[in-house]
PDB file of N, CA and C in Angstrom:
ATOM      1  N   MET A   1      -7.135 -15.933   9.410  1.00  0.00           N
ATOM      2  CA  MET A   1      -7.436 -15.248   8.163  1.00  0.00           C
ATOM      3  C   MET A   1      -6.628 -15.921   7.056  1.00  0.00           C
ATOM      4  N   SER A   2      -7.287 -16.289   6.000  1.00  0.00           N
ATOM      5  CA  SER A   2      -6.605 -16.963   4.893  1.00  0.00           C
ATOM      6  C   SER A   2      -5.794 -15.958   4.079  1.00  0.00           C
ATOM      7  N   LYS A   3      -4.852 -16.478   3.327  1.00  0.00           N
ATOM      8  CA  LYS A   3      -4.018 -15.627   2.481  1.00  0.00           C
ATOM      9  C   LYS A   3      -4.876 -14.831   1.507  1.00  0.00           C
ATOM     10  N   GLU A   4      -5.893 -15.458   0.948  1.00  0.00           N
ATOM     11  CA  GLU A   4      -6.754 -14.768  -0.023  1.00  0.00           C
ATOM     12  C   GLU A   4      -7.486 -13.594   0.630  1.00  0.00           C
ATOM     13  N   LEU A   5      -7.925 -13.759   1.882  1.00  0.00           N
ATOM     14  CA  LEU A   5      -8.589 -12.656   2.581  1.00  0.00           C
ATOM     15  C   LEU A   5      -7.612 -11.520   2.863  1.00  0.00           C
ATOM     16  N   VAL A   6      -6.368 -11.858   3.187  1.00  0.00           N
ATOM     17  CA  VAL A   6      -5.345 -10.835   3.412  1.00  0.00           C
ATOM     18  C   VAL A   6      -5.087 -10.087   2.110  1.00  0.00           C
ATOM     19  N   ILE A   7      -4.993 -10.812   1.009  1.00  0.00           N
ATOM     20  CA  ILE A   7      -4.779 -10.172  -0.296  1.00  0.00           C
ATOM     21  C   ILE A   7      -5.940  -9.225  -0.604  1.00  0.00           C
ATOM     22  N   GLN A   8      -7.169  -9.656  -0.367  1.00  0.00           N
ATOM     23  CA  GLN A   8      -8.332  -8.793  -0.613  1.00  0.00           C
ATOM     24  C   GLN A   8      -8.284  -7.540   0.254  1.00  0.00           C
ATOM     25  N   LEU A   9      -7.894  -7.698   1.514  1.00  0.00           N
ATOM     26  CA  LEU A   9      -7.766  -6.553   2.418  1.00  0.00           C
ATOM     27  C   LEU A   9      -6.720  -5.574   1.897  1.00  0.00           C
ATOM     28  N   LEU A  10      -5.569  -6.105   1.495  1.00  0.00           N
ATOM     29  CA  LEU A  10      -4.504  -5.249   0.968  1.00  0.00           C
ATOM     30  C   LEU A  10      -4.931  -4.564  -0.325  1.00  0.00           C
ATOM     31  N   GLU A  11      -5.681  -5.263  -1.165  1.00  0.00           N
ATOM     32  CA  GLU A  11      -6.204  -4.639  -2.384  1.00  0.00           C
ATOM     33  C   GLU A  11      -7.147  -3.492  -2.029  1.00  0.00           C
ATOM     34  N   ASN A  12      -7.929  -3.643  -0.962  1.00  0.00           N
ATOM     35  CA  ASN A  12      -8.798  -2.555  -0.499  1.00  0.00           C
ATOM     36  C   ASN A  12      -7.986  -1.358  -0.022  1.00  0.00           C
ATOM     37  N   PHE A  13      -6.752  -1.599   0.416  1.00  0.00           N
ATOM     38  CA  PHE A  13      -5.843  -0.533   0.841  1.00  0.00           C
ATOM     39  C   PHE A  13      -5.110   0.088  -0.347  1.00  0.00           C
ATOM     40  N   GLY A  14      -5.379  -0.389  -1.571  1.00  0.00           N
ATOM     41  CA  GLY A  14      -4.753   0.182  -2.754  1.00  0.00           C
ATOM     42  C   GLY A  14      -3.561  -0.598  -3.278  1.00  0.00           C
ATOM     43  N   PHE A  15      -3.319  -1.777  -2.753  1.00  0.00           N
ATOM     44  CA  PHE A  15      -2.251  -2.630  -3.257  1.00  0.00           C
ATOM     45  C   PHE A  15      -2.729  -3.331  -4.521  1.00  0.00           C
ATOM     46  N   SER A  16      -1.822  -3.560  -5.451  1.00  0.00           N
ATOM     47  CA  SER A  16      -2.143  -4.469  -6.548  1.00  0.00           C
ATOM     48  C   SER A  16      -2.018  -5.888  -5.993  1.00  0.00           C
ATOM     49  N   ARG A  17      -2.505  -6.858  -6.729  1.00  0.00           N
ATOM     50  CA  ARG A  17      -2.378  -8.247  -6.268  1.00  0.00           C
ATOM     51  C   ARG A  17      -0.904  -8.626  -6.104  1.00  0.00           C
ATOM     52  N   LEU A  18      -0.065  -8.189  -7.042  1.00  0.00           N
ATOM     53  CA  LEU A  18       1.359  -8.506  -6.963  1.00  0.00           C
ATOM     54  C   LEU A  18       2.023  -7.790  -5.786  1.00  0.00           C
ATOM     55  N   ASP A  19       1.625  -6.531  -5.531  1.00  0.00           N
ATOM     56  CA  ASP A  19       2.116  -5.825  -4.339  1.00  0.00           C
ATOM     57  C   ASP A  19       1.815  -6.657  -3.090  1.00  0.00           C
ATOM     58  N   ALA A  20       0.581  -7.139  -3.000  1.00  0.00           N
ATOM     59  CA  ALA A  20       0.154  -7.917  -1.841  1.00  0.00           C
ATOM     60  C   ALA A  20       0.959  -9.207  -1.708  1.00  0.00           C
ATOM     61  N   GLU A  21       1.164  -9.888  -2.820  1.00  0.00           N
ATOM     62  CA  GLU A  21       1.925 -11.152  -2.797  1.00  0.00           C
ATOM     63  C   GLU A  21       3.356 -10.924  -2.302  1.00  0.00           C
ATOM     64  N   VAL A  22       3.999  -9.877  -2.812  1.00  0.00           N
ATOM     65  CA  VAL A  22       5.383  -9.589  -2.408  1.00  0.00           C
ATOM     66  C   VAL A  22       5.425  -9.174  -0.945  1.00  0.00           C
ATOM     67  N   TYR A  23       4.495  -8.308  -0.526  1.00  0.00           N
ATOM     68  CA  TYR A  23       4.454  -7.897   0.882  1.00  0.00           C
ATOM     69  C   TYR A  23       4.295  -9.119   1.792  1.00  0.00           C
ATOM     70  N   ILE A  24       3.338  -9.972   1.489  1.00  0.00           N
ATOM     71  CA  ILE A  24       3.072 -11.153   2.325  1.00  0.00           C
ATOM     72  C   ILE A  24       4.305 -12.050   2.392  1.00  0.00           C
ATOM     73  N   TYR A  25       4.938 -12.254   1.255  1.00  0.00           N
ATOM     74  CA  TYR A  25       6.136 -13.101   1.210  1.00  0.00           C
ATOM     75  C   TYR A  25       7.217 -12.536   2.130  1.00  0.00           C
ATOM     76  N   LEU A  26       7.471 -11.236   2.007  1.00  0.00           N
ATOM     77  CA  LEU A  26       8.498 -10.619   2.849  1.00  0.00           C
ATOM     78  C   LEU A  26       8.105 -10.618   4.328  1.00  0.00           C
ATOM     79  N   ALA A  27       6.842 -10.331   4.603  1.00  0.00           N
ATOM     80  CA  ALA A  27       6.394 -10.278   5.996  1.00  0.00           C
ATOM     81  C   ALA A  27       6.468 -11.651   6.661  1.00  0.00           C
ATOM     82  N   LYS A  28       6.192 -12.698   5.901  1.00  0.00           N
ATOM     83  CA  LYS A  28       6.193 -14.064   6.456  1.00  0.00           C
ATOM     84  C   LYS A  28       7.584 -14.668   6.549  1.00  0.00           C
ATOM     85  N   THR A  29       8.451 -14.361   5.568  1.00  0.00           N
ATOM     86  CA  THR A  29       9.735 -15.059   5.495  1.00  0.00           C
ATOM     87  C   THR A  29      10.924 -14.217   5.938  1.00  0.00           C
ATOM     88  N   GLY A  30      10.705 -12.931   6.180  1.00  0.00           N
ATOM     89  CA  GLY A  30      11.790 -12.081   6.641  1.00  0.00           C
ATOM     90  C   GLY A  30      12.547 -11.424   5.504  1.00  0.00           C
ATOM     91  N   PRO A  31      13.599 -10.677   5.848  1.00  0.00           N
ATOM     92  CA  PRO A  31      14.362  -9.916   4.850  1.00  0.00           C
ATOM     93  C   PRO A  31      14.983 -10.805   3.770  1.00  0.00           C
ATOM     94  N   HIS A  32      15.006 -10.261   2.553  1.00  0.00           N
ATOM     95  CA  HIS A  32      15.574 -10.985   1.402  1.00  0.00           C
ATOM     96  C   HIS A  32      16.290 -10.028   0.469  1.00  0.00           C
ATOM     97  N   LYS A  33      17.270 -10.546  -0.229  1.00  0.00           N
ATOM     98  CA  LYS A  33      17.902  -9.822  -1.324  1.00  0.00           C
ATOM     99  C   LYS A  33      17.003  -9.965  -2.543  1.00  0.00           C
ATOM    100  N   ASP A  34      17.156  -9.052  -3.500  1.00  0.00           N
ATOM    101  CA  ASP A  34      16.273  -9.074  -4.668  1.00  0.00           C
ATOM    102  C   ASP A  34      16.354 -10.394  -5.419  1.00  0.00           C
ATOM    103  N   ARG A  35      17.533 -10.950  -5.577  1.00  0.00           N
ATOM    104  CA  ARG A  35      17.643 -12.211  -6.331  1.00  0.00           C
ATOM    105  C   ARG A  35      16.909 -13.353  -5.621  1.00  0.00           C
ATOM    106  N   ASP A  36      16.889 -13.325  -4.268  1.00  0.00           N
ATOM    107  CA  ASP A  36      16.150 -14.339  -3.517  1.00  0.00           C
ATOM    108  C   ASP A  36      14.641 -14.162  -3.699  1.00  0.00           C
ATOM    109  N   LEU A  37      14.204 -12.906  -3.785  1.00  0.00           N
ATOM    110  CA  LEU A  37      12.787 -12.635  -4.032  1.00  0.00           C
ATOM    111  C   LEU A  37      12.374 -13.085  -5.425  1.00  0.00           C
ATOM    112  N   ILE A  38      13.217 -12.812  -6.396  1.00  0.00           N
ATOM    113  CA  ILE A  38      12.938 -13.228  -7.774  1.00  0.00           C
ATOM    114  C   ILE A  38      12.781 -14.741  -7.834  1.00  0.00           C
ATOM    115  N   GLU A  39      13.678 -15.439  -7.167  1.00  0.00           N
ATOM    116  CA  GLU A  39      13.642 -16.901  -7.166  1.00  0.00           C
ATOM    117  C   GLU A  39      12.459 -17.427  -6.340  1.00  0.00           C
ATOM    118  N   GLY A  40      12.275 -16.895  -5.141  1.00  0.00           N
ATOM    119  CA  GLY A  40      11.225 -17.378  -4.248  1.00  0.00           C
ATOM    120  C   GLY A  40       9.821 -17.112  -4.750  1.00  0.00           C
ATOM    121  N   LEU A  41       9.649 -15.961  -5.398  1.00  0.00           N
ATOM    122  CA  LEU A  41       8.322 -15.590  -5.902  1.00  0.00           C
ATOM    123  C   LEU A  41       8.117 -15.963  -7.363  1.00  0.00           C
ATOM    124  N   ARG A  42       9.193 -16.449  -7.999  1.00  0.00           N
ATOM    125  CA  ARG A  42       9.164 -16.807  -9.417  1.00  0.00           C
ATOM    126  C   ARG A  42       8.699 -15.633 -10.281  1.00  0.00           C
ATOM    127  N   LEU A  43       9.400 -14.503 -10.083  1.00  0.00           N
ATOM    128  CA  LEU A  43       9.084 -13.284 -10.822  1.00  0.00           C
ATOM    129  C   LEU A  43      10.274 -12.884 -11.682  1.00  0.00           C
ATOM    130  N   ALA A  44       9.993 -12.161 -12.733  1.00  0.00           N
ATOM    131  CA  ALA A  44      11.058 -11.552 -13.524  1.00  0.00           C
ATOM    132  C   ALA A  44      11.528 -10.296 -12.796  1.00  0.00           C
ATOM    133  N   LYS A  45      12.774  -9.948 -12.988  1.00  0.00           N
ATOM    134  CA  LYS A  45      13.343  -8.750 -12.371  1.00  0.00           C
ATOM    135  C   LYS A  45      12.506  -7.520 -12.727  1.00  0.00           C
ATOM    136  N   GLN A  46      12.028  -7.481 -13.989  1.00  0.00           N
ATOM    137  CA  GLN A  46      11.232  -6.341 -14.455  1.00  0.00           C
ATOM    138  C   GLN A  46       9.893  -6.249 -13.725  1.00  0.00           C
ATOM    139  N   GLN A  47       9.399  -7.369 -13.202  1.00  0.00           N
ATOM    140  CA  GLN A  47       8.151  -7.350 -12.428  1.00  0.00           C
ATOM    141  C   GLN A  47       8.405  -6.931 -10.992  1.00  0.00           C
ATOM    142  N   LEU A  48       9.515  -7.385 -10.430  1.00  0.00           N
ATOM    143  CA  LEU A  48       9.768  -7.200  -9.010  1.00  0.00           C
ATOM    144  C   LEU A  48      10.101  -5.758  -8.641  1.00  0.00           C
ATOM    145  N   PHE A  49      10.978  -5.108  -9.390  1.00  0.00           N
ATOM    146  CA  PHE A  49      11.456  -3.791  -8.966  1.00  0.00           C
ATOM    147  C   PHE A  49      10.366  -2.726  -8.905  1.00  0.00           C
ATOM    148  N   PRO A  50       9.433  -2.657  -9.850  1.00  0.00           N
ATOM    149  CA  PRO A  50       8.330  -1.684  -9.697  1.00  0.00           C
ATOM    150  C   PRO A  50       7.475  -1.972  -8.454  1.00  0.00           C
ATOM    151  N   VAL A  51       7.292  -3.245  -8.135  1.00  0.00           N
ATOM    152  CA  VAL A  51       6.510  -3.614  -6.948  1.00  0.00           C
ATOM    153  C   VAL A  51       7.238  -3.172  -5.686  1.00  0.00           C
ATOM    154  N   LEU A  52       8.536  -3.452  -5.614  1.00  0.00           N
ATOM    155  CA  LEU A  52       9.309  -3.035  -4.440  1.00  0.00           C
ATOM    156  C   LEU A  52       9.277  -1.513  -4.280  1.00  0.00           C
ATOM    157  N   ASN A  53       9.389  -0.789  -5.386  1.00  0.00           N
ATOM    158  CA  ASN A  53       9.304   0.680  -5.323  1.00  0.00           C
ATOM    159  C   ASN A  53       7.944   1.132  -4.814  1.00  0.00           C
ATOM    160  N   SER A  54       6.884   0.505  -5.305  1.00  0.00           N
ATOM    161  CA  SER A  54       5.529   0.836  -4.873  1.00  0.00           C
ATOM    162  C   SER A  54       5.357   0.579  -3.370  1.00  0.00           C
ATOM    163  N   LEU A  55       5.837  -0.552  -2.913  1.00  0.00           N
ATOM    164  CA  LEU A  55       5.710  -0.901  -1.495  1.00  0.00           C
ATOM    165  C   LEU A  55       6.547   0.026  -0.614  1.00  0.00           C
ATOM    166  N   GLN A  56       7.696   0.455  -1.120  1.00  0.00           N
ATOM    167  CA  GLN A  56       8.515   1.397  -0.360  1.00  0.00           C
ATOM    168  C   GLN A  56       7.819   2.759  -0.269  1.00  0.00           C
ATOM    169  N   LYS A  57       7.185   3.196  -1.349  1.00  0.00           N
ATOM    170  CA  LYS A  57       6.446   4.469  -1.330  1.00  0.00           C
ATOM    171  C   LYS A  57       5.279   4.411  -0.350  1.00  0.00           C
ATOM    172  N   LYS A  58       4.678   3.234  -0.219  1.00  0.00           N
ATOM    173  CA  LYS A  58       3.569   3.048   0.722  1.00  0.00           C
ATOM    174  C   LYS A  58       4.069   2.973   2.169  1.00  0.00           C
ATOM    175  N   GLY A  59       5.364   2.812   2.347  1.00  0.00           N
ATOM    176  CA  GLY A  59       5.944   2.744   3.689  1.00  0.00           C
ATOM    177  C   GLY A  59       5.855   1.388   4.347  1.00  0.00           C
ATOM    178  N   VAL A  60       5.618   0.334   3.544  1.00  0.00           N
ATOM    179  CA  VAL A  60       5.452  -1.000   4.132  1.00  0.00           C
ATOM    180  C   VAL A  60       6.636  -1.921   3.860  1.00  0.00           C
ATOM    181  N   VAL A  61       7.566  -1.468   3.015  1.00  0.00           N
ATOM    182  CA  VAL A  61       8.798  -2.210   2.750  1.00  0.00           C
ATOM    183  C   VAL A  61       9.957  -1.224   2.831  1.00  0.00           C
ATOM    184  N   THR A  62      11.047  -1.661   3.424  1.00  0.00           N
ATOM    185  CA  THR A  62      12.261  -0.861   3.505  1.00  0.00           C
ATOM    186  C   THR A  62      13.397  -1.642   2.861  1.00  0.00           C
ATOM    187  N   SER A  63      14.475  -0.925   2.528  1.00  0.00           N
ATOM    188  CA  SER A  63      15.651  -1.595   1.988  1.00  0.00           C
ATOM    189  C   SER A  63      16.893  -1.073   2.700  1.00  0.00           C
ATOM    190  N   SER A  64      17.881  -1.931   2.787  1.00  0.00           N
ATOM    191  CA  SER A  64      19.138  -1.554   3.420  1.00  0.00           C
ATOM    192  C   SER A  64      19.962  -0.723   2.445  1.00  0.00           C
ATOM    193  N   SER A  65      20.990  -0.074   2.956  1.00  0.00           N
ATOM    194  CA  SER A  65      21.857   0.734   2.090  1.00  0.00           C
ATOM    195  C   SER A  65      23.018  -0.079   1.522  1.00  0.00           C
ATOM    196  N   GLU A  66      23.204  -1.285   2.034  1.00  0.00           N
ATOM    197  CA  GLU A  66      24.302  -2.128   1.553  1.00  0.00           C
ATOM    198  C   GLU A  66      24.005  -2.656   0.156  1.00  0.00           C
ATOM    199  N   HIS A  67      25.027  -3.214  -0.459  1.00  0.00           N
ATOM    200  CA  HIS A  67      24.836  -3.814  -1.791  1.00  0.00           C
ATOM    201  C   HIS A  67      25.234  -5.276  -1.726  1.00  0.00           C
ATOM    202  N   PRO A  68      24.401  -6.213  -2.142  1.00  0.00           N
ATOM    203  CA  PRO A  68      23.042  -5.985  -2.646  1.00  0.00           C
ATOM    204  C   PRO A  68      22.094  -5.632  -1.505  1.00  0.00           C
ATOM    205  N   LYS A  69      21.062  -4.881  -1.849  1.00  0.00           N
ATOM    206  CA  LYS A  69      20.091  -4.426  -0.857  1.00  0.00           C
ATOM    207  C   LYS A  69      19.350  -5.599  -0.245  1.00  0.00           C
ATOM    208  N   LEU A  70      18.957  -5.403   1.000  1.00  0.00           N
ATOM    209  CA  LEU A  70      18.143  -6.370   1.719  1.00  0.00           C
ATOM    210  C   LEU A  70      16.784  -5.712   1.944  1.00  0.00           C
ATOM    211  N   PHE A  71      15.724  -6.338   1.448  1.00  0.00           N
ATOM    212  CA  PHE A  71      14.373  -5.786   1.557  1.00  0.00           C
ATOM    213  C   PHE A  71      13.637  -6.431   2.725  1.00  0.00           C
ATOM    214  N   SER A  72      12.931  -5.595   3.505  1.00  0.00           N
ATOM    215  CA  SER A  72      12.184  -6.062   4.667  1.00  0.00           C
ATOM    216  C   SER A  72      10.791  -5.457   4.654  1.00  0.00           C
ATOM    217  N   ALA A  73       9.829  -6.195   5.182  1.00  0.00           N
ATOM    218  CA  ALA A  73       8.454  -5.693   5.300  1.00  0.00           C
ATOM    219  C   ALA A  73       8.169  -5.343   6.753  1.00  0.00           C
ATOM    220  N   ILE A  74       7.358  -4.307   6.964  1.00  0.00           N
ATOM    221  CA  ILE A  74       6.918  -4.026   8.322  1.00  0.00           C
ATOM    222  C   ILE A  74       5.951  -5.129   8.744  1.00  0.00           C
ATOM    223  N   ALA A  75       5.786  -5.296  10.025  1.00  0.00           N
ATOM    224  CA  ALA A  75       4.874  -6.314  10.554  1.00  0.00           C
ATOM    225  C   ALA A  75       3.441  -6.014  10.106  1.00  0.00           C
ATOM    226  N   PHE A  76       2.648  -7.056   9.905  1.00  0.00           N
ATOM    227  CA  PHE A  76       1.266  -6.894   9.460  1.00  0.00           C
ATOM    228  C   PHE A  76       0.479  -6.025  10.437  1.00  0.00           C
ATOM    229  N   GLU A  77       0.714  -6.195  11.726  1.00  0.00           N
ATOM    230  CA  GLU A  77       0.024  -5.377  12.732  1.00  0.00           C
ATOM    231  C   GLU A  77       0.364  -3.895  12.548  1.00  0.00           C
ATOM    232  N   ASP A  78       1.631  -3.602  12.234  1.00  0.00           N
ATOM    233  CA  ASP A  78       2.038  -2.214  11.993  1.00  0.00           C
ATOM    234  C   ASP A  78       1.395  -1.673  10.718  1.00  0.00           C
ATOM    235  N   LEU A  79       1.260  -2.515   9.705  1.00  0.00           N
ATOM    236  CA  LEU A  79       0.588  -2.115   8.468  1.00  0.00           C
ATOM    237  C   LEU A  79      -0.866  -1.742   8.771  1.00  0.00           C
ATOM    238  N   LEU A  80      -1.541  -2.554   9.562  1.00  0.00           N
ATOM    239  CA  LEU A  80      -2.930  -2.245   9.920  1.00  0.00           C
ATOM    240  C   LEU A  80      -3.016  -0.934  10.689  1.00  0.00           C
ATOM    241  N   ASP A  81      -2.092  -0.732  11.641  1.00  0.00           N
ATOM    242  CA  ASP A  81      -2.074   0.521  12.402  1.00  0.00           C
ATOM    243  C   ASP A  81      -1.849   1.715  11.480  1.00  0.00           C
ATOM    244  N   LEU A  82      -0.972   1.575  10.503  1.00  0.00           N
ATOM    245  CA  LEU A  82      -0.686   2.635   9.539  1.00  0.00           C
ATOM    246  C   LEU A  82      -1.942   3.012   8.769  1.00  0.00           C
ATOM    247  N   TYR A  83      -2.690   2.020   8.285  1.00  0.00           N
ATOM    248  CA  TYR A  83      -3.893   2.306   7.499  1.00  0.00           C
ATOM    249  C   TYR A  83      -5.038   2.819   8.362  1.00  0.00           C
ATOM    250  N   VAL A  84      -5.114   2.395   9.617  1.00  0.00           N
ATOM    251  CA  VAL A  84      -6.115   2.958  10.531  1.00  0.00           C
ATOM    252  C   VAL A  84      -5.811   4.438  10.745  1.00  0.00           C
ATOM    253  N   LYS A  85      -4.548   4.752  11.002  1.00  0.00           N
ATOM    254  CA  LYS A  85      -4.142   6.146  11.227  1.00  0.00           C
ATOM    255  C   LYS A  85      -4.442   6.998   9.998  1.00  0.00           C
ATOM    256  N   MET A  86      -4.116   6.478   8.812  1.00  0.00           N
ATOM    257  CA  MET A  86      -4.382   7.222   7.583  1.00  0.00           C
ATOM    258  C   MET A  86      -5.873   7.489   7.406  1.00  0.00           C
ATOM    259  N   ASN A  87      -6.702   6.490   7.675  1.00  0.00           N
ATOM    260  CA  ASN A  87      -8.149   6.659   7.511  1.00  0.00           C
ATOM    261  C   ASN A  87      -8.716   7.631   8.530  1.00  0.00           C
ATOM    262  N   ILE A  88      -8.192   7.613   9.753  1.00  0.00           N
ATOM    263  CA  ILE A  88      -8.640   8.571  10.771  1.00  0.00           C
ATOM    264  C   ILE A  88      -8.280   9.983  10.333  1.00  0.00           C
ATOM    265  N   GLU A  89      -7.068  10.164   9.809  1.00  0.00           N
ATOM    266  CA  GLU A  89      -6.646  11.487   9.344  1.00  0.00           C
ATOM    267  C   GLU A  89      -7.491  11.958   8.164  1.00  0.00           C
ATOM    268  N   GLN A  90      -7.796  11.042   7.230  1.00  0.00           N
ATOM    269  CA  GLN A  90      -8.636  11.412   6.088  1.00  0.00           C
ATOM    270  C   GLN A  90     -10.038  11.793   6.546  1.00  0.00           C
ATOM    271  N   ALA A  91     -10.588  11.046   7.496  1.00  0.00           N
ATOM    272  CA  ALA A  91     -11.923  11.354   8.015  1.00  0.00           C
ATOM    273  C   ALA A  91     -11.919  12.709   8.718  1.00  0.00           C
ATOM    274  N   LYS A  92     -10.862  13.014   9.444  1.00  0.00           N
ATOM    275  CA  LYS A  92     -10.749  14.303  10.134  1.00  0.00           C
ATOM    276  C   LYS A  92     -10.725  15.450   9.122  1.00  0.00           C
ATOM    277  N   ILE A  93      -9.974  15.284   8.050  1.00  0.00           N
ATOM    278  CA  ILE A  93      -9.891  16.325   7.007  1.00  0.00           C
ATOM    279  C   ILE A  93     -11.265  16.534   6.363  1.00  0.00           C
ATOM    280  N   ILE A  94     -11.960  15.448   6.071  1.00  0.00           N
ATOM    281  CA  ILE A  94     -13.298  15.554   5.467  1.00  0.00           C
ATOM    282  C   ILE A  94     -14.245  16.270   6.425  1.00  0.00           C
ATOM    283  N   LYS A  95     -14.179  15.900   7.697  1.00  0.00           N
ATOM    284  CA  LYS A  95     -15.057  16.525   8.692  1.00  0.00           C
ATOM    285  C   LYS A  95     -14.770  18.019   8.796  1.00  0.00           C
ATOM    286  N   GLU A  96     -13.482  18.384   8.789  1.00  0.00           N
ATOM    287  CA  GLU A  96     -13.098  19.791   8.921  1.00  0.00           C
ATOM    288  C   GLU A  96     -13.451  20.618   7.690  1.00  0.00           C
ATOM    289  N   THR A  97     -13.519  19.998   6.542  1.00  0.00           N
ATOM    290  CA  THR A  97     -13.791  20.738   5.302  1.00  0.00           C
ATOM    291  C   THR A  97     -15.169  20.416   4.724  1.00  0.00           C
ATOM    292  N   LYS A  98     -16.018  19.795   5.515  1.00  0.00           N
ATOM    293  CA  LYS A  98     -17.319  19.339   5.023  1.00  0.00           C
ATOM    294  C   LYS A  98     -18.149  20.476   4.430  1.00  0.00           C
ATOM    295  N   LYS A  99     -18.238  21.603   5.125  1.00  0.00           N
ATOM    296  CA  LYS A  99     -19.054  22.720   4.615  1.00  0.00           C
ATOM    297  C   LYS A  99     -18.523  23.197   3.262  1.00  0.00           C
ATOM    298  N   GLU A 100     -17.222  23.371   3.160  1.00  0.00           N
ATOM    299  CA  GLU A 100     -16.610  23.814   1.902  1.00  0.00           C
ATOM    300  C   GLU A 100     -16.847  22.789   0.790  1.00  0.00           C
ATOM    301  N   LEU A 101     -16.726  21.513   1.122  1.00  0.00           N
ATOM    302  CA  LEU A 101     -16.960  20.450   0.140  1.00  0.00           C
ATOM    303  C   LEU A 101     -18.402  20.470  -0.355  1.00  0.00           C
ATOM    304  N   LEU A 102     -19.349  20.686   0.563  1.00  0.00           N
ATOM    305  CA  LEU A 102     -20.760  20.735   0.176  1.00  0.00           C
ATOM    306  C   LEU A 102     -21.053  21.939  -0.721  1.00  0.00           C
ATOM    307  N   ILE A 103     -20.439  23.077  -0.418  1.00  0.00           N
ATOM    308  CA  ILE A 103     -20.620  24.266  -1.268  1.00  0.00           C
ATOM    309  C   ILE A 103     -20.062  23.992  -2.662  1.00  0.00           C
ATOM    310  N   ASN A 104     -18.888  23.411  -2.723  1.00  0.00           N
ATOM    311  CA  ASN A 104     -18.290  23.064  -4.016  1.00  0.00           C
ATOM    312  C   ASN A 104     -19.157  22.061  -4.769  1.00  0.00           C
ATOM    313  N   TRP A 105     -19.716  21.099  -4.052  1.00  0.00           N
ATOM    314  CA  TRP A 105     -20.597  20.113  -4.674  1.00  0.00           C
ATOM    315  C   TRP A 105     -21.828  20.803  -5.266  1.00  0.00           C
ATOM    316  N   GLN A 106     -22.444  21.677  -4.489  1.00  0.00           N
ATOM    317  CA  GLN A 106     -23.633  22.382  -4.982  1.00  0.00           C
ATOM    318  C   GLN A 106     -23.299  23.214  -6.210  1.00  0.00           C
ATOM    319  N   ASN A 107     -22.172  23.905  -6.194  1.00  0.00           N
ATOM    320  CA  ASN A 107     -21.766  24.719  -7.340  1.00  0.00           C
ATOM    321  C   ASN A 107     -21.491  23.858  -8.571  1.00  0.00           C
ATOM    322  N   ALA A 108     -20.894  22.713  -8.359  1.00  0.00           N
ATOM    323  CA  ALA A 108     -20.540  21.830  -9.471  1.00  0.00           C
ATOM    324  C   ALA A 108     -21.750  21.162 -10.085  1.00  0.00           C
ATOM    325  N   THR A 109     -22.803  20.982  -9.278  1.00  0.00           N
ATOM    326  CA  THR A 109     -23.980  20.241  -9.779  1.00  0.00           C
ATOM    327  C   THR A 109     -25.147  21.145 -10.149  1.00  0.00           C
ATOM    328  N   GLN A 110     -24.961  22.449 -10.045  1.00  0.00           N
ATOM    329  CA  GLN A 110     -26.052  23.348 -10.439  1.00  0.00           C
ATOM    330  C   GLN A 110     -26.230  23.311 -11.948  1.00  0.00           C
ATOM    331  N   ASP A 111     -27.464  23.404 -12.359  1.00  0.00           N
ATOM    332  CA  ASP A 111     -27.788  23.447 -13.770  1.00  0.00           C
ATOM    333  C   ASP A 111     -27.356  24.802 -14.337  1.00  0.00           C
ATOM    334  N   PRO A 112     -26.447  24.811 -15.294  1.00  0.00           N
ATOM    335  CA  PRO A 112     -25.959  26.096 -15.828  1.00  0.00           C
ATOM    336  C   PRO A 112     -27.053  26.878 -16.562  1.00  0.00           C
ATOM    337  N   ASN A 113     -28.176  26.246 -16.874  1.00  0.00           N
ATOM    338  CA  ASN A 113     -29.253  26.932 -17.595  1.00  0.00           C
ATOM    339  C   ASN A 113     -30.245  27.596 -16.669  1.00  0.00           C
ATOM    340  N   THR A 114     -30.002  27.513 -15.342  1.00  0.00           N
ATOM    341  CA  THR A 114     -30.960  28.145 -14.424  1.00  0.00           C
ATOM    342  C   THR A 114     -30.405  29.399 -13.819  1.00  0.00           C
TER     343      THR A 114
END
């Protein structure tokens, strides 16, 4: 799978292009300090920190408690497992609430003049 296809896949999972680039860099090269990421990815500090926060919220990047922090990415296989699990859970919720969702849909789309 080419890097561009991986980026497209990650974008389908809700990553921005920059999120995907940072994740791939960390996953391929291992843990890094923020200054090493700034240098390696040729990013400004102001660009990097929001991306790292976003990736941490998604559960695909972690940071150490030491100073300076060391950022690590979960393995790509684990990322895929995480998104499969999330999609299965979302599908289960939709299936369980399908009747209620359909009733709400019908109510929302009824013509108020009838």
